[in-house]
Amino acid sequence: MRAISIGQLHRMTGKAIAALPGPVPIKSGDRVIALLLPARMDKVVPAEPTAVAEPAES
């Protein structure tokens, strides 16, 4: 996929970002400054609740 500018990213909705086909480079001028990785929330598995450790006695 071709890169998008910071300005384009700023104007994108969350729905449009989620619809991106995969990682997209973010450019500032001629430089690539970031990589946008859209989250696929339909594939996220909820984490199991974790137990909180009790503080050790001093």
PDB file of N, CA and C in Angstrom:
ATOM      1  N   MET A   1       0.850  -1.187   0.000  1.00  0.00           N
ATOM      2  CA  MET A   1       0.000   0.000   0.000  1.00  0.00           C
ATOM      3  C   MET A   1       0.882   1.231   0.000  1.00  0.00           C
ATOM      4  N   ARG A   2       0.434   2.259  -0.637  1.00  0.00           N
ATOM      5  CA  ARG A   2       1.213   3.491  -0.663  1.00  0.00           C
ATOM      6  C   ARG A   2       1.109   4.217   0.665  1.00  0.00           C
ATOM      7  N   ALA A   3       2.065   5.053   0.933  1.00  0.00           N
ATOM      8  CA  ALA A   3       2.115   5.789   2.198  1.00  0.00           C
ATOM      9  C   ALA A   3       1.032   6.865   2.241  1.00  0.00           C
ATOM     10  N   ILE A   4       0.655   7.242   3.471  1.00  0.00           N
ATOM     11  CA  ILE A   4      -0.259   8.367   3.647  1.00  0.00           C
ATOM     12  C   ILE A   4       0.469   9.433   4.465  1.00  0.00           C
ATOM     13  N   SER A   5       0.038  10.665   4.298  1.00  0.00           N
ATOM     14  CA  SER A   5       0.676  11.768   5.016  1.00  0.00           C
ATOM     15  C   SER A   5       0.062  11.921   6.403  1.00  0.00           C
ATOM     16  N   ILE A   6       0.733  12.682   7.232  1.00  0.00           N
ATOM     17  CA  ILE A   6       0.205  12.961   8.571  1.00  0.00           C
ATOM     18  C   ILE A   6      -1.138  13.678   8.456  1.00  0.00           C
ATOM     19  N   GLY A   7      -1.244  14.616   7.496  1.00  0.00           N
ATOM     20  CA  GLY A   7      -2.500  15.340   7.288  1.00  0.00           C
ATOM     21  C   GLY A   7      -3.638  14.407   6.903  1.00  0.00           C
ATOM     22  N   GLN A   8      -3.347  13.448   6.020  1.00  0.00           N
ATOM     23  CA  GLN A   8      -4.375  12.475   5.630  1.00  0.00           C
ATOM     24  C   GLN A   8      -4.788  11.634   6.832  1.00  0.00           C
ATOM     25  N   LEU A   9      -3.808  11.211   7.624  1.00  0.00           N
ATOM     26  CA  LEU A   9      -4.115  10.414   8.815  1.00  0.00           C
ATOM     27  C   LEU A   9      -4.983  11.208   9.783  1.00  0.00           C
ATOM     28  N   HIS A  10      -4.681  12.475   9.948  1.00  0.00           N
ATOM     29  CA  HIS A  10      -5.434  13.341  10.862  1.00  0.00           C
ATOM     30  C   HIS A  10      -6.904  13.419  10.456  1.00  0.00           C
ATOM     31  N   ARG A  11      -7.190  13.383   9.170  1.00  0.00           N
ATOM     32  CA  ARG A  11      -8.566  13.505   8.685  1.00  0.00           C
ATOM     33  C   ARG A  11      -9.306  12.170   8.600  1.00  0.00           C
ATOM     34  N   MET A  12      -8.602  11.063   8.799  1.00  0.00           N
ATOM     35  CA  MET A  12      -9.243   9.748   8.688  1.00  0.00           C
ATOM     36  C   MET A  12     -10.074   9.422   9.931  1.00  0.00           C
ATOM     37  N   THR A  13     -11.186   8.751   9.710  1.00  0.00           N
ATOM     38  CA  THR A  13     -12.004   8.288  10.832  1.00  0.00           C
ATOM     39  C   THR A  13     -11.445   6.959  11.343  1.00  0.00           C
ATOM     40  N   GLY A  14     -11.851   6.585  12.521  1.00  0.00           N
ATOM     41  CA  GLY A  14     -11.452   5.295  13.065  1.00  0.00           C
ATOM     42  C   GLY A  14     -11.927   4.155  12.179  1.00  0.00           C
ATOM     43  N   LYS A  15     -13.109   4.307  11.616  1.00  0.00           N
ATOM     44  CA  LYS A  15     -13.660   3.274  10.736  1.00  0.00           C
ATOM     45  C   LYS A  15     -12.804   3.126   9.476  1.00  0.00           C
ATOM     46  N   ALA A  16     -12.337   4.245   8.930  1.00  0.00           N
ATOM     47  CA  ALA A  16     -11.492   4.203   7.735  1.00  0.00           C
ATOM     48  C   ALA A  16     -10.140   3.568   8.056  1.00  0.00           C
ATOM     49  N   ILE A  17      -9.590   3.877   9.226  1.00  0.00           N
ATOM     50  CA  ILE A  17      -8.305   3.289   9.627  1.00  0.00           C
ATOM     51  C   ILE A  17      -8.463   1.783   9.807  1.00  0.00           C
ATOM     52  N   ALA A  18      -9.533   1.364  10.459  1.00  0.00           N
ATOM     53  CA  ALA A  18      -9.761  -0.064  10.680  1.00  0.00           C
ATOM     54  C   ALA A  18      -9.950  -0.815   9.365  1.00  0.00           C
ATOM     55  N   ALA A  19     -10.425  -0.126   8.325  1.00  0.00           N
ATOM     56  CA  ALA A  19     -10.670  -0.767   7.036  1.00  0.00           C
ATOM     57  C   ALA A  19      -9.410  -0.891   6.181  1.00  0.00           C
ATOM     58  N   LEU A  20      -8.306  -0.305   6.617  1.00  0.00           N
ATOM     59  CA  LEU A  20      -7.070  -0.412   5.835  1.00  0.00           C
ATOM     60  C   LEU A  20      -6.674  -1.882   5.711  1.00  0.00           C
ATOM     61  N   PRO A  21      -6.112  -2.268   4.571  1.00  0.00           N
ATOM     62  CA  PRO A  21      -5.826  -3.685   4.341  1.00  0.00           C
ATOM     63  C   PRO A  21      -4.664  -4.249   5.158  1.00  0.00           C
ATOM     64  N   GLY A  22      -3.863  -3.405   5.740  1.00  0.00           N
ATOM     65  CA  GLY A  22      -2.707  -3.879   6.507  1.00  0.00           C
ATOM     66  C   GLY A  22      -1.832  -2.703   6.910  1.00  0.00           C
ATOM     67  N   PRO A  23      -0.563  -2.966   7.245  1.00  0.00           N
ATOM     68  CA  PRO A  23       0.345  -1.893   7.658  1.00  0.00           C
ATOM     69  C   PRO A  23       0.488  -0.817   6.571  1.00  0.00           C
ATOM     70  N   VAL A  24       0.490   0.449   7.000  1.00  0.00           N
ATOM     71  CA  VAL A  24       0.597   1.575   6.080  1.00  0.00           C
ATOM     72  C   VAL A  24       1.679   2.528   6.579  1.00  0.00           C
ATOM     73  N   PRO A  25       2.655   2.867   5.727  1.00  0.00           N
ATOM     74  CA  PRO A  25       3.668   3.852   6.122  1.00  0.00           C
ATOM     75  C   PRO A  25       3.041   5.245   6.255  1.00  0.00           C
ATOM     76  N   ILE A  26       3.496   6.005   7.247  1.00  0.00           N
ATOM     77  CA  ILE A  26       3.072   7.385   7.452  1.00  0.00           C
ATOM     78  C   ILE A  26       4.265   8.266   7.097  1.00  0.00           C
ATOM     79  N   LYS A  27       4.032   9.238   6.210  1.00  0.00           N
ATOM     80  CA  LYS A  27       5.123  10.089   5.746  1.00  0.00           C
ATOM     81  C   LYS A  27       4.965  11.522   6.233  1.00  0.00           C
ATOM     82  N   SER A  28       6.108  12.162   6.448  1.00  0.00           N
ATOM     83  CA  SER A  28       6.188  13.591   6.706  1.00  0.00           C
ATOM     84  C   SER A  28       7.160  14.123   5.669  1.00  0.00           C
ATOM     85  N   GLY A  29       6.633  14.825   4.683  1.00  0.00           N
ATOM     86  CA  GLY A  29       7.485  15.246   3.573  1.00  0.00           C
ATOM     87  C   GLY A  29       7.926  14.019   2.800  1.00  0.00           C
ATOM     88  N   ASP A  30       9.237  13.854   2.641  1.00  0.00           N
ATOM     89  CA  ASP A  30       9.777  12.704   1.906  1.00  0.00           C
ATOM     90  C   ASP A  30      10.174  11.556   2.823  1.00  0.00           C
ATOM     91  N   ARG A  31      10.045  11.747   4.148  1.00  0.00           N
ATOM     92  CA  ARG A  31      10.502  10.728   5.095  1.00  0.00           C
ATOM     93  C   ARG A  31       9.353   9.890   5.630  1.00  0.00           C
ATOM     94  N   VAL A  32       9.592   8.599   5.730  1.00  0.00           N
ATOM     95  CA  VAL A  32       8.638   7.719   6.414  1.00  0.00           C
ATOM     96  C   VAL A  32       8.968   7.826   7.904  1.00  0.00           C
ATOM     97  N   ILE A  33       7.976   8.219   8.702  1.00  0.00           N
ATOM     98  CA  ILE A  33       8.231   8.453  10.130  1.00  0.00           C
ATOM     99  C   ILE A  33       7.531   7.462  11.046  1.00  0.00           C
ATOM    100  N   ALA A  34       6.602   6.688  10.495  1.00  0.00           N
ATOM    101  CA  ALA A  34       5.863   5.740  11.339  1.00  0.00           C
ATOM    102  C   ALA A  34       5.236   4.674  10.459  1.00  0.00           C
ATOM    103  N   LEU A  35       4.749   3.643  11.117  1.00  0.00           N
ATOM    104  CA  LEU A  35       4.023   2.575  10.446  1.00  0.00           C
ATOM    105  C   LEU A  35       2.724   2.369  11.205  1.00  0.00           C
ATOM    106  N   LEU A  36       1.613   2.530  10.514  1.00  0.00           N
ATOM    107  CA  LEU A  36       0.294   2.366  11.121  1.00  0.00           C
ATOM    108  C   LEU A  36      -0.130   0.916  10.970  1.00  0.00           C
ATOM    109  N   LEU A  37      -0.433   0.278  12.085  1.00  0.00           N
ATOM    110  CA  LEU A  37      -0.896  -1.110  12.086  1.00  0.00           C
ATOM    111  C   LEU A  37      -2.337  -1.138  12.582  1.00  0.00           C
ATOM    112  N   PRO A  38      -3.306  -1.170  11.672  1.00  0.00           N
ATOM    113  CA  PRO A  38      -4.707  -1.173  12.102  1.00  0.00           C
ATOM    114  C   PRO A  38      -5.023  -2.411  12.948  1.00  0.00           C
ATOM    115  N   ALA A  39      -5.694  -2.191  14.055  1.00  0.00           N
ATOM    116  CA  ALA A  39      -6.092  -3.302  14.928  1.00  0.00           C
ATOM    117  C   ALA A  39      -7.283  -4.017  14.313  1.00  0.00           C
ATOM    118  N   ARG A  40      -7.249  -5.303  14.321  1.00  0.00           N
ATOM    119  CA  ARG A  40      -8.357  -6.117  13.838  1.00  0.00           C
ATOM    120  C   ARG A  40      -9.114  -6.603  15.066  1.00  0.00           C
ATOM    121  N   MET A  41     -10.029  -5.780  15.562  1.00  0.00           N
ATOM    122  CA  MET A  41     -10.719  -6.069  16.815  1.00  0.00           C
ATOM    123  C   MET A  41     -11.581  -7.323  16.738  1.00  0.00           C
ATOM    124  N   ASP A  42     -12.003  -7.714  15.533  1.00  0.00           N
ATOM    125  CA  ASP A  42     -12.803  -8.921  15.416  1.00  0.00           C
ATOM    126  C   ASP A  42     -11.971 -10.175  15.648  1.00  0.00           C
ATOM    127  N   LYS A  43     -10.635 -10.039  15.642  1.00  0.00           N
ATOM    128  CA  LYS A  43      -9.749 -11.186  15.835  1.00  0.00           C
ATOM    129  C   LYS A  43      -9.075 -11.179  17.202  1.00  0.00           C
ATOM    130  N   VAL A  44      -9.382 -10.178  18.015  1.00  0.00           N
ATOM    131  CA  VAL A  44      -8.758 -10.065  19.336  1.00  0.00           C
ATOM    132  C   VAL A  44      -9.459 -11.004  20.306  1.00  0.00           C
ATOM    133  N   VAL A  45      -8.683 -11.775  21.039  1.00  0.00           N
ATOM    134  CA  VAL A  45      -9.223 -12.688  22.043  1.00  0.00           C
ATOM    135  C   VAL A  45      -9.068 -12.014  23.405  1.00  0.00           C
ATOM    136  N   PRO A  46     -10.144 -11.883  24.159  1.00  0.00           N
ATOM    137  CA  PRO A  46     -10.027 -11.238  25.466  1.00  0.00           C
ATOM    138  C   PRO A  46      -9.035 -11.985  26.355  1.00  0.00           C
ATOM    139  N   ALA A  47      -8.248 -11.222  27.082  1.00  0.00           N
ATOM    140  CA  ALA A  47      -7.269 -11.816  27.996  1.00  0.00           C
ATOM    141  C   ALA A  47      -7.981 -12.369  29.224  1.00  0.00           C
ATOM    142  N   GLU A  48      -7.393 -13.407  29.783  1.00  0.00           N
ATOM    143  CA  GLU A  48      -7.912 -13.965  31.028  1.00  0.00           C
ATOM    144  C   GLU A  48      -7.571 -13.002  32.165  1.00  0.00           C
ATOM    145  N   PRO A  49      -8.479 -12.826  33.099  1.00  0.00           N
ATOM    146  CA  PRO A  49      -8.133 -11.985  34.255  1.00  0.00           C
ATOM    147  C   PRO A  49      -6.949 -12.577  35.000  1.00  0.00           C
ATOM    148  N   THR A  50      -6.043 -11.737  35.421  1.00  0.00           N
ATOM    149  CA  THR A  50      -4.869 -12.236  36.137  1.00  0.00           C
ATOM    150  C   THR A  50      -4.989 -11.908  37.618  1.00  0.00           C
ATOM    151  N   ALA A  51      -4.441 -12.769  38.406  1.00  0.00           N
ATOM    152  CA  ALA A  51      -4.445 -12.544  39.854  1.00  0.00           C
ATOM    153  C   ALA A  51      -3.400 -11.493  40.195  1.00  0.00           C
ATOM    154  N   VAL A  52      -3.722 -10.654  41.141  1.00  0.00           N
ATOM    155  CA  VAL A  52      -2.769  -9.652  41.604  1.00  0.00           C
ATOM    156  C   VAL A  52      -1.980 -10.246  42.757  1.00  0.00           C
ATOM    157  N   ALA A  53      -0.668 -10.199  42.641  1.00  0.00           N
ATOM    158  CA  ALA A  53       0.180 -10.757  43.695  1.00  0.00           C
ATOM    159  C   ALA A  53       0.101  -9.897  44.952  1.00  0.00           C
ATOM    160  N   GLU A  54       0.060 -10.572  46.086  1.00  0.00           N
ATOM    161  CA  GLU A  54       0.071  -9.852  47.355  1.00  0.00           C
ATOM    162  C   GLU A  54       1.488  -9.350  47.606  1.00  0.00           C
ATOM    163  N   PRO A  55       1.620  -8.162  48.203  1.00  0.00           N
ATOM    164  CA  PRO A  55       2.971  -7.649  48.485  1.00  0.00           C
ATOM    165  C   PRO A  55       3.700  -8.572  49.479  1.00  0.00           C
ATOM    166  N   ALA A  56       4.994  -8.723  49.270  1.00  0.00           N
ATOM    167  CA  ALA A  56       5.809  -9.552  50.160  1.00  0.00           C
ATOM    168  C   ALA A  56       5.940  -8.874  51.514  1.00  0.00           C
ATOM    169  N   GLU A  57       5.956  -9.678  52.580  1.00  0.00           N
ATOM    170  CA  GLU A  57       6.138  -9.121  53.913  1.00  0.00           C
ATOM    171  C   GLU A  57       7.593  -8.706  54.086  1.00  0.00           C
ATOM    172  N   SER A  58       7.788  -7.595  54.780  1.00  0.00           N
ATOM    173  CA  SER A  58       9.156  -7.108  55.015  1.00  0.00           C
ATOM    174  C   SER A  58       9.697  -7.539  56.334  1.00  0.00           C
TER     175      SER A  58
END
